[in-house]
Protein backbone atom coordinates (compact mmCIF):
# COMPACT_ATOMS: atom_id res chain seq x y z
CA MET A 1 -5.26 56.77 -50.54
CA LYS A 2 -1.79 56.80 -52.02
CA LYS A 3 0.45 59.86 -51.54
CA GLU A 4 0.63 60.34 -55.33
CA GLN A 5 -3.09 60.32 -55.59
CA LYS A 6 -3.41 62.88 -52.76
CA ASN A 7 -0.86 65.13 -54.34
CA SER A 8 -2.60 64.86 -57.64
CA GLU A 9 -5.94 65.73 -56.09
CA LEU A 10 -4.33 68.73 -54.26
CA ILE A 11 -2.82 70.02 -57.46
CA LYS A 12 -6.20 69.58 -59.18
CA LEU A 13 -7.87 71.41 -56.38
CA LEU A 14 -5.44 74.37 -56.60
CA ARG A 15 -5.81 74.60 -60.38
CA GLU A 16 -9.63 74.56 -60.27
CA ASN A 17 -10.15 76.95 -57.45
CA TYR A 18 -7.18 79.33 -57.53
CA ASP A 19 -5.49 81.50 -60.17
CA ILE A 20 -1.88 80.37 -59.59
CA ASN A 21 0.58 82.65 -61.33
CA SER A 22 3.30 83.11 -58.66
CA ALA A 23 4.75 81.75 -55.40
CA SER A 24 2.62 84.30 -53.48
CA ASP A 25 -0.48 82.80 -55.11
CA ILE A 26 0.54 79.47 -53.88
CA LYS A 27 1.03 80.85 -50.32
CA GLU A 28 -2.43 82.28 -50.37
CA ALA A 29 -3.84 78.99 -51.63
CA LEU A 30 -2.09 77.10 -48.84
CA LYS A 31 -3.33 79.69 -46.42
CA ASP A 32 -6.94 78.84 -47.44
CA LEU A 33 -6.15 75.13 -47.17
CA PHE A 34 -4.70 75.68 -43.74
CA LYS A 35 -7.76 77.69 -42.76
CA ASP A 36 -10.03 74.81 -43.90
CA THR A 37 -7.90 72.31 -41.92
CA ILE A 38 -8.22 74.35 -38.68
CA GLN A 39 -11.99 74.73 -39.30
CA ASP A 40 -12.42 71.02 -39.80
CA ILE A 41 -10.53 70.21 -36.67
CA MET A 42 -12.59 72.68 -34.58
CA ASN A 43 -15.89 71.30 -36.06
CA VAL A 44 -14.82 67.71 -35.04
CA GLU A 45 -14.04 69.00 -31.48
CA PHE A 46 -17.47 70.59 -31.28
CA ASP A 47 -19.22 67.40 -32.47
CA GLU A 48 -17.37 65.49 -29.75
CA HIS A 49 -18.31 68.05 -27.18
CA MET A 50 -21.98 67.97 -28.13
CA GLY A 51 -22.02 64.17 -28.44
CA TYR A 52 -23.64 64.12 -31.85
CA GLU A 53 -22.85 65.32 -35.40
CA LYS A 54 -24.39 68.48 -36.83
CA SER A 55 -26.82 66.59 -39.19
CA SER A 56 -28.12 64.34 -36.34
CA ARG A 57 -30.93 64.95 -33.81
CA HIS A 58 -30.19 64.81 -30.15
CA ASP A 59 -32.72 65.51 -27.39
CA GLU A 60 -31.02 64.03 -24.28
CA ASN A 61 -30.17 67.38 -22.76
CA ASN A 62 -31.00 71.07 -23.01
CA ASN A 63 -27.67 72.07 -24.67
CA TYR A 64 -28.09 72.84 -28.37
CA ARG A 65 -25.95 74.12 -31.17
CA ASN A 66 -26.19 77.91 -31.30
CA GLY A 67 -24.50 78.99 -34.50
CA SER A 68 -20.94 80.41 -34.55
CA TYR A 69 -18.88 83.53 -34.28
CA ASN A 70 -16.16 84.94 -36.38
CA LYS A 71 -12.60 85.08 -35.01
CA LYS A 72 -9.42 86.45 -36.64
CA VAL A 73 -6.20 84.61 -35.72
CA LYS A 74 -2.62 84.82 -36.69
CA SER A 75 -0.69 82.00 -38.39
CA THR A 76 2.51 81.73 -40.31
CA TYR A 77 0.45 82.04 -43.47
CA GLY A 78 -0.99 85.32 -42.30
CA THR A 79 -4.18 86.37 -40.58
CA ILE A 80 -7.17 83.94 -41.18
CA ASP A 81 -10.81 84.05 -40.32
CA VAL A 82 -12.38 81.04 -38.64
CA GLU A 83 -15.88 80.36 -37.51
CA VAL A 84 -15.96 79.09 -33.86
CA PRO A 85 -18.94 76.91 -33.13
CA ARG A 86 -21.07 77.96 -30.26
CA ASP A 87 -23.41 76.01 -27.95
CA ARG A 88 -26.44 77.31 -25.96
CA ASN A 89 -24.75 76.81 -22.61
CA SER A 90 -21.56 78.52 -23.80
CA ASP A 91 -19.38 75.84 -22.23
CA PHE A 92 -17.60 74.75 -25.39
CA GLU A 93 -13.83 75.45 -25.00
CA PRO A 94 -11.97 74.79 -28.33
CA GLN A 95 -8.66 73.05 -27.78
CA MET A 96 -7.33 74.06 -31.19
CA ILE A 97 -8.06 77.74 -30.72
CA PRO A 98 -8.72 78.44 -26.90
CA LYS A 99 -10.71 81.49 -26.00
CA HIS A 100 -8.70 84.72 -26.00
CA LYS A 101 -6.04 83.01 -28.17
CA ARG A 102 -5.22 84.95 -31.28
CA ASP A 103 -2.05 83.15 -32.53
CA ILE A 104 -2.26 79.54 -33.75
CA SER A 105 1.23 79.23 -35.22
CA ASP A 106 2.03 76.93 -32.37
CA ILE A 107 -0.15 74.28 -34.17
CA GLU A 108 2.65 74.19 -36.69
CA ASN A 109 5.05 73.88 -33.82
CA GLN A 110 3.16 70.83 -32.66
CA ILE A 111 3.65 69.35 -36.12
CA ILE A 112 7.32 70.11 -35.79
CA SER A 113 7.37 68.41 -32.40
CA LEU A 114 5.90 65.23 -33.85
CA TYR A 115 8.49 65.46 -36.65
CA SER A 116 11.36 65.71 -33.99
CA LEU A 117 10.10 62.56 -32.33
CA GLY A 118 10.84 60.62 -35.46
CA LEU A 119 7.51 60.63 -37.18
CA SER A 120 7.62 60.94 -40.97
CA THR A 121 5.49 63.46 -42.80
CA ARG A 122 3.24 60.53 -43.76
CA ASP A 123 3.06 59.36 -40.04
CA ILE A 124 2.09 62.88 -38.86
CA SER A 125 -0.55 63.09 -41.59
CA ASN A 126 -1.96 59.70 -40.45
CA GLU A 127 -1.76 60.84 -36.73
CA LEU A 128 -3.79 63.92 -37.49
CA ASN A 129 -6.24 61.90 -39.52
CA GLU A 130 -6.70 59.44 -36.68
CA MET A 131 -7.02 62.14 -34.06
CA TYR A 132 -9.28 64.58 -35.98
CA GLY A 133 -10.55 62.78 -39.01
CA ILE A 134 -8.95 65.21 -41.46
CA ASP A 135 -6.27 64.92 -44.11
CA VAL A 136 -3.12 67.16 -43.97
CA SER A 137 -0.91 66.52 -46.89
CA ALA A 138 2.68 65.32 -46.40
CA THR A 139 3.78 68.22 -48.62
CA MET A 140 2.11 70.75 -46.36
CA ILE A 141 3.73 69.22 -43.25
CA SER A 142 7.14 69.34 -45.03
CA ASN A 143 6.51 72.96 -45.77
CA ILE A 144 5.78 73.65 -42.20
CA THR A 145 8.94 71.88 -40.93
CA ASP A 146 10.96 73.92 -43.53
CA LYS A 147 10.40 76.83 -41.18
CA ILE A 148 13.21 75.60 -38.95
CA LEU A 149 15.86 75.72 -41.69
CA PRO A 150 16.78 79.32 -40.84
CA LYS A 151 17.06 78.35 -37.15
CA ILE A 152 19.43 75.52 -38.22
CA ARG A 153 21.58 77.97 -40.19
CA ASP A 154 21.72 80.30 -37.18
CA TRP A 155 22.59 77.42 -34.85
CA GLN A 156 25.28 76.16 -37.18
CA THR A 157 26.92 79.59 -37.31
CA ARG A 158 26.47 80.59 -33.67
CA THR A 159 29.55 81.79 -31.65
CA LEU A 160 31.27 79.08 -29.69
CA ASP A 161 33.52 79.12 -26.65
CA SER A 162 37.21 79.95 -27.09
CA THR A 163 38.47 76.76 -25.44
CA TYR A 164 37.13 73.20 -25.40
CA PRO A 165 39.14 70.78 -23.12
CA ILE A 166 37.67 67.72 -25.00
CA ILE A 167 35.96 67.29 -28.33
CA PHE A 168 34.50 64.13 -29.90
CA ILE A 169 33.97 63.51 -33.59
CA ASP A 170 31.90 60.69 -35.10
CA ALA A 171 29.61 59.88 -37.96
CA VAL A 172 26.14 58.35 -38.41
CA HIS A 173 25.11 57.04 -41.83
CA PHE A 174 21.70 57.45 -43.46
CA ASN A 175 19.95 56.64 -46.80
CA VAL A 176 19.26 59.82 -48.83
CA LYS A 177 17.65 60.06 -52.17
CA SER A 178 19.90 61.40 -54.92
CA GLU A 179 18.19 61.93 -58.29
CA THR A 180 16.80 58.45 -59.08
CA LYS A 181 18.66 56.35 -56.51
CA ILE A 182 19.24 55.97 -52.80
CA VAL A 183 22.81 56.71 -51.62
CA LYS A 184 24.50 56.38 -48.16
CA LYS A 185 25.48 59.66 -46.70
CA ALA A 186 27.32 60.43 -43.47
CA ALA A 187 26.32 63.03 -40.86
CA TYR A 188 29.41 64.10 -39.00
CA ILE A 189 28.69 65.29 -35.52
CA VAL A 190 31.03 67.32 -33.26
CA LEU A 191 30.36 67.13 -29.53
CA GLY A 192 32.39 69.24 -27.07
CA TYR A 193 32.88 69.51 -23.35
CA ASP A 194 33.25 73.10 -22.20
CA ILE A 195 35.36 74.48 -19.39
CA ASN A 196 32.53 73.88 -16.93
CA GLY A 197 32.09 70.22 -17.93
CA ASN A 198 28.84 70.65 -19.83
CA LYS A 199 28.20 68.91 -23.14
CA ASP A 200 27.20 70.77 -26.31
CA ILE A 201 26.80 69.85 -30.03
CA LEU A 202 29.04 72.22 -31.94
CA GLY A 203 27.74 71.33 -35.44
CA ILE A 204 26.52 68.77 -37.94
CA TRP A 205 27.92 68.30 -41.49
CA VAL A 206 25.99 66.16 -43.95
CA GLY A 207 27.05 64.44 -47.04
CA GLU A 208 30.72 65.23 -47.42
CA ASN A 209 33.39 62.69 -48.18
CA GLU A 210 36.08 62.26 -45.51
CA SER A 211 39.38 63.89 -46.51
CA SER A 212 41.94 66.14 -45.14
CA LYS A 213 40.37 69.06 -47.05
CA PHE A 214 36.87 68.27 -45.58
CA TRP A 215 38.10 68.07 -42.01
CA HIS A 216 40.27 71.16 -42.51
CA THR A 217 37.04 73.00 -43.64
CA VAL A 218 35.24 71.75 -40.45
CA LEU A 219 38.02 72.80 -38.12
CA THR A 220 38.51 76.12 -39.89
CA GLU A 221 34.73 76.74 -39.48
CA LEU A 222 35.05 76.09 -35.68
CA LYS A 223 37.91 78.60 -35.58
CA GLN A 224 35.85 81.22 -37.40
CA ARG A 225 33.14 80.74 -34.88
CA GLY A 226 35.42 81.53 -31.92
CA VAL A 227 37.27 78.33 -31.04
CA LYS A 228 40.86 79.15 -30.31
CA ASP A 229 42.03 75.94 -28.64
CA ILE A 230 41.13 72.27 -28.28
CA LEU A 231 43.15 70.29 -25.75
CA ILE A 232 42.12 66.64 -26.69
CA LEU A 233 40.21 65.57 -29.78
CA CYS A 234 38.76 62.07 -29.66
CA SER A 235 37.75 60.20 -32.80
CA ASP A 236 37.80 57.00 -34.78
CA GLY A 237 40.41 56.67 -37.60
CA LEU A 238 38.62 59.29 -39.73
CA SER A 239 40.33 59.71 -43.13
CA GLY A 240 42.38 62.93 -43.22
CA ILE A 241 41.58 63.99 -39.63
CA LYS A 242 45.19 63.86 -38.44
CA ASP A 243 46.53 66.23 -41.02
CA ALA A 244 43.59 68.59 -40.52
CA ILE A 245 44.30 68.72 -36.75
CA ASN A 246 47.94 69.44 -37.32
CA ALA A 247 47.06 72.22 -39.71
CA SER A 248 44.23 73.92 -37.70
CA PHE A 249 45.02 73.12 -34.07
CA PRO A 250 48.75 71.92 -33.97
CA GLN A 251 48.83 71.81 -30.15
CA THR A 252 45.78 69.52 -29.93
CA VAL A 253 46.25 65.89 -28.86
CA GLN A 254 44.42 63.39 -30.99
CA GLN A 255 43.14 60.34 -29.10
CA ARG A 256 41.96 57.24 -30.90
CA CYS A 257 38.76 55.73 -29.58
CA ILE A 258 39.59 52.35 -27.90
CA VAL A 259 36.07 50.96 -28.61
CA HIS A 260 36.61 51.38 -32.36
CA MET A 261 40.08 49.88 -32.03
CA ILE A 262 38.71 46.81 -30.29
CA ARG A 263 35.99 46.48 -32.98
CA ASN A 264 38.58 46.80 -35.73
CA SER A 265 40.84 44.18 -34.15
CA THR A 266 38.09 41.62 -33.39
CA LYS A 267 36.02 41.76 -36.50
CA PHE A 268 37.92 38.83 -38.17
CA VAL A 269 38.45 36.74 -34.93
CA GLY A 270 36.74 33.39 -35.00
CA TYR A 271 34.04 32.53 -32.55
CA LYS A 272 36.02 29.78 -30.71
CA ASN A 273 38.92 32.25 -30.06
CA TYR A 274 36.87 35.37 -29.45
CA LYS A 275 36.50 35.20 -25.65
CA GLU A 276 40.12 34.43 -24.99
CA PHE A 277 41.29 36.89 -27.52
CA CYS A 278 39.36 39.74 -25.96
CA LYS A 279 40.62 38.85 -22.49
CA ASP A 280 44.24 39.02 -23.67
CA LEU A 281 43.57 42.29 -25.54
CA LYS A 282 42.17 43.86 -22.35
CA THR A 283 45.67 43.63 -20.79
CA VAL A 284 46.86 46.08 -23.43
CA TYR A 285 44.28 48.87 -23.22
CA GLN A 286 43.69 48.53 -19.49
CA ALA A 287 47.40 48.65 -18.55
CA SER A 288 48.42 51.11 -15.86
CA SER A 289 51.26 52.61 -17.90
CA GLU A 290 52.51 52.82 -21.54
CA LYS A 291 55.49 50.64 -20.68
CA GLU A 292 53.23 47.85 -19.32
CA ALA A 293 50.85 48.25 -22.31
CA LEU A 294 53.76 47.80 -24.84
CA GLU A 295 55.01 44.76 -22.95
CA ASN A 296 51.57 43.23 -22.98
CA LEU A 297 51.19 44.11 -26.70
CA GLU A 298 54.34 42.05 -27.44
CA LEU A 299 52.95 39.10 -25.45
CA PHE A 300 49.67 39.44 -27.30
CA ASN A 301 51.50 39.50 -30.59
CA GLU A 302 53.47 36.36 -29.76
CA LYS A 303 50.20 34.51 -29.05
CA TRP A 304 47.97 35.83 -31.68
CA GLY A 305 50.08 37.57 -34.30
CA SER A 306 50.54 34.59 -36.66
CA ILE A 307 46.80 33.73 -36.62
CA TYR A 308 45.41 37.37 -36.72
CA PRO A 309 48.18 39.74 -38.02
CA HIS A 310 45.63 42.45 -38.99
CA SER A 311 44.48 42.63 -35.37
CA ILE A 312 47.99 43.33 -34.08
CA ARG A 313 48.82 45.74 -36.99
CA VAL A 314 45.93 48.08 -36.18
CA TRP A 315 47.34 48.63 -32.62
CA LYS A 316 50.98 49.17 -33.74
CA ASP A 317 50.04 51.45 -36.70
CA ASN A 318 47.99 53.70 -34.48
CA TRP A 319 50.01 53.61 -31.26
CA ASN A 320 50.98 57.32 -31.30
CA GLU A 321 47.26 58.25 -31.24
CA ILE A 322 46.46 55.57 -28.55
CA SER A 323 49.22 55.97 -26.07
CA HIS A 324 48.36 59.44 -24.74
CA MET A 325 45.74 57.96 -22.41
CA TYR A 326 48.33 56.21 -20.30
CA ASN A 327 49.54 59.58 -19.11
CA TYR A 328 46.20 60.44 -17.54
CA SER A 329 44.42 59.61 -14.36
CA PRO A 330 41.64 56.85 -14.40
CA GLU A 331 38.92 59.52 -14.27
CA LEU A 332 40.24 61.41 -17.38
CA ARG A 333 41.26 58.22 -19.15
CA THR A 334 37.75 56.76 -18.72
CA LEU A 335 36.23 59.86 -20.30
CA ILE A 336 38.40 60.04 -23.27
CA TYR A 337 39.48 56.47 -24.20
CA THR A 338 36.10 55.75 -25.72
CA THR A 339 33.59 57.84 -27.66
CA ASN A 340 30.77 56.60 -25.39
CA ALA A 341 29.41 60.18 -25.07
CA ILE A 342 28.92 60.68 -28.76
CA GLU A 343 27.93 57.05 -29.38
CA SER A 344 25.15 57.50 -26.82
CA LEU A 345 24.11 60.56 -28.72
CA ASN A 346 24.11 58.50 -31.94
CA ARG A 347 21.88 55.89 -30.45
CA GLY A 348 19.43 58.64 -29.46
CA ILE A 349 19.46 60.03 -33.02
CA ARG A 350 18.84 56.58 -34.51
CA LYS A 351 15.91 56.10 -32.09
CA TYR A 352 14.26 59.24 -33.49
CA THR A 353 15.10 58.56 -37.17
CA LYS A 354 14.72 54.85 -37.42
CA SER A 355 11.11 55.08 -38.77
CA LYS A 356 12.41 57.04 -41.70
CA GLY A 357 13.82 54.50 -44.31
CA SER A 358 15.32 57.28 -46.36
CA PHE A 359 15.31 61.00 -46.65
CA PRO A 360 14.31 62.88 -49.81
CA THR A 361 17.00 65.57 -49.47
CA ASP A 362 20.05 66.60 -47.36
CA ASP A 363 17.82 69.33 -45.90
CA ALA A 364 15.23 66.76 -44.82
CA LEU A 365 17.93 64.78 -43.06
CA LEU A 366 19.34 67.94 -41.44
CA LYS A 367 15.93 68.90 -40.08
CA SER A 368 15.39 65.48 -38.56
CA LEU A 369 18.84 65.50 -36.93
CA TYR A 370 18.53 69.02 -35.55
CA LEU A 371 15.15 68.33 -34.04
CA SER A 372 16.12 64.95 -32.51
CA ILE A 373 19.20 66.59 -31.05
CA ASN A 374 17.02 69.22 -29.54
CA VAL A 375 14.98 66.57 -27.79
CA ILE A 376 18.11 64.67 -26.58
CA THR A 377 20.07 67.64 -25.29
CA LYS A 378 17.20 68.82 -23.10
CA ARG A 379 18.16 65.93 -20.81
CA TRP A 380 21.78 67.14 -20.57
CA THR A 381 21.31 69.00 -17.27
CA ALA A 382 24.31 67.81 -15.26
CA ARG A 383 28.02 68.20 -16.01
CA VAL A 384 30.52 65.27 -16.35
CA ARG A 385 31.10 63.11 -13.45
CA ASN A 386 34.42 63.98 -11.51
CA TRP A 387 34.78 67.16 -13.63
CA SER A 388 36.53 69.00 -10.89
CA LEU A 389 39.24 66.40 -10.76
CA ILE A 390 39.52 66.21 -14.53
CA ILE A 391 39.72 70.05 -15.19
CA ASN A 392 42.41 70.35 -12.48
CA GLU A 393 44.43 67.65 -14.10
CA LEU A 394 44.07 69.25 -17.53
CA SER A 395 45.16 72.66 -16.15
CA ILE A 396 48.36 70.93 -14.90
CA LEU A 397 49.04 68.86 -18.05
CA PHE A 398 48.27 71.69 -20.38
CA ASP A 399 49.80 74.57 -18.46
CA ASP A 400 48.11 77.87 -19.07
CA ARG A 401 45.87 76.67 -21.86
CA VAL A 402 42.91 75.99 -19.62
């Protein structure tokens, strides 16, 4: 059955059976529908336990259906009454509402959990249909997942640490519906390493266009949430980020991501030259000092500059934001000269969102991002490798700021 047909039947059902005059009336109607869903699931569970449906005869054992009893349980739609089926031997244990359980709001949490694993509202509806043989509308599932929006707002405004030695900024792009068309929107993610070497997502910003004003707003928001100092900020060549850093955190060192630099300089290199080109480029970004790197860049320019002038220009134009890494130890340089940490996060996000071709709203995208991040960050139990060496080096390089 198509989603539009299901929604049409749901609307028809509400109109025929409920006197809808306000939002509270809709909530009461949804409460009834939710109650019917829970009741249907429990009845299916009981049929499976008994081994036959209610309308069938079954004489293979002495256990019989023995009516039901009323039970009041709490849900996010309020208190509801359900009829729990009962067998003669009293050994039926409902999974949906276990004995002595009076709060079933966690059923909605299970739906949210499925949503966080990348399932769309339609996927979840199909999953429940296959598991229990019932229909739960995509609209109802969406309403349940909307419960986390206040949590997201609290998370986005929570107090942060005063100092972050290293911060990474990157963007992931998604398709989002806007009026009658699908548009590309970016989700900008800020990942920080705290003083103890632990990773944390400081925030997500959806749908803004890159500009100095936008990045200034983001960095100002971090300051308002308690951040007083950032030692090193690693990013791609985000439009306007340099001016925003200078305005908000003038002491912060901006480090360009070398992985993005390599991509930018190799995207127009022909296949027959690619391997040799990359080998020569490696002598620049893997040099032991800035002096050696500049010498190797000139040799690189002499060999490839006339063929691929753009590839040389991107390094020379951004050298001030690249060269900082040559002042650091191999341990610190390895950590900051790529955005591997945040790119790994991005891959995880895409894993949990790839089933969703597009998102109906910015809020729907934000919900999915927040839930997928919750799943990913649960695995972040260890601090950064060699962090003791790195933090000691940073305390020397940045004096009393650590």
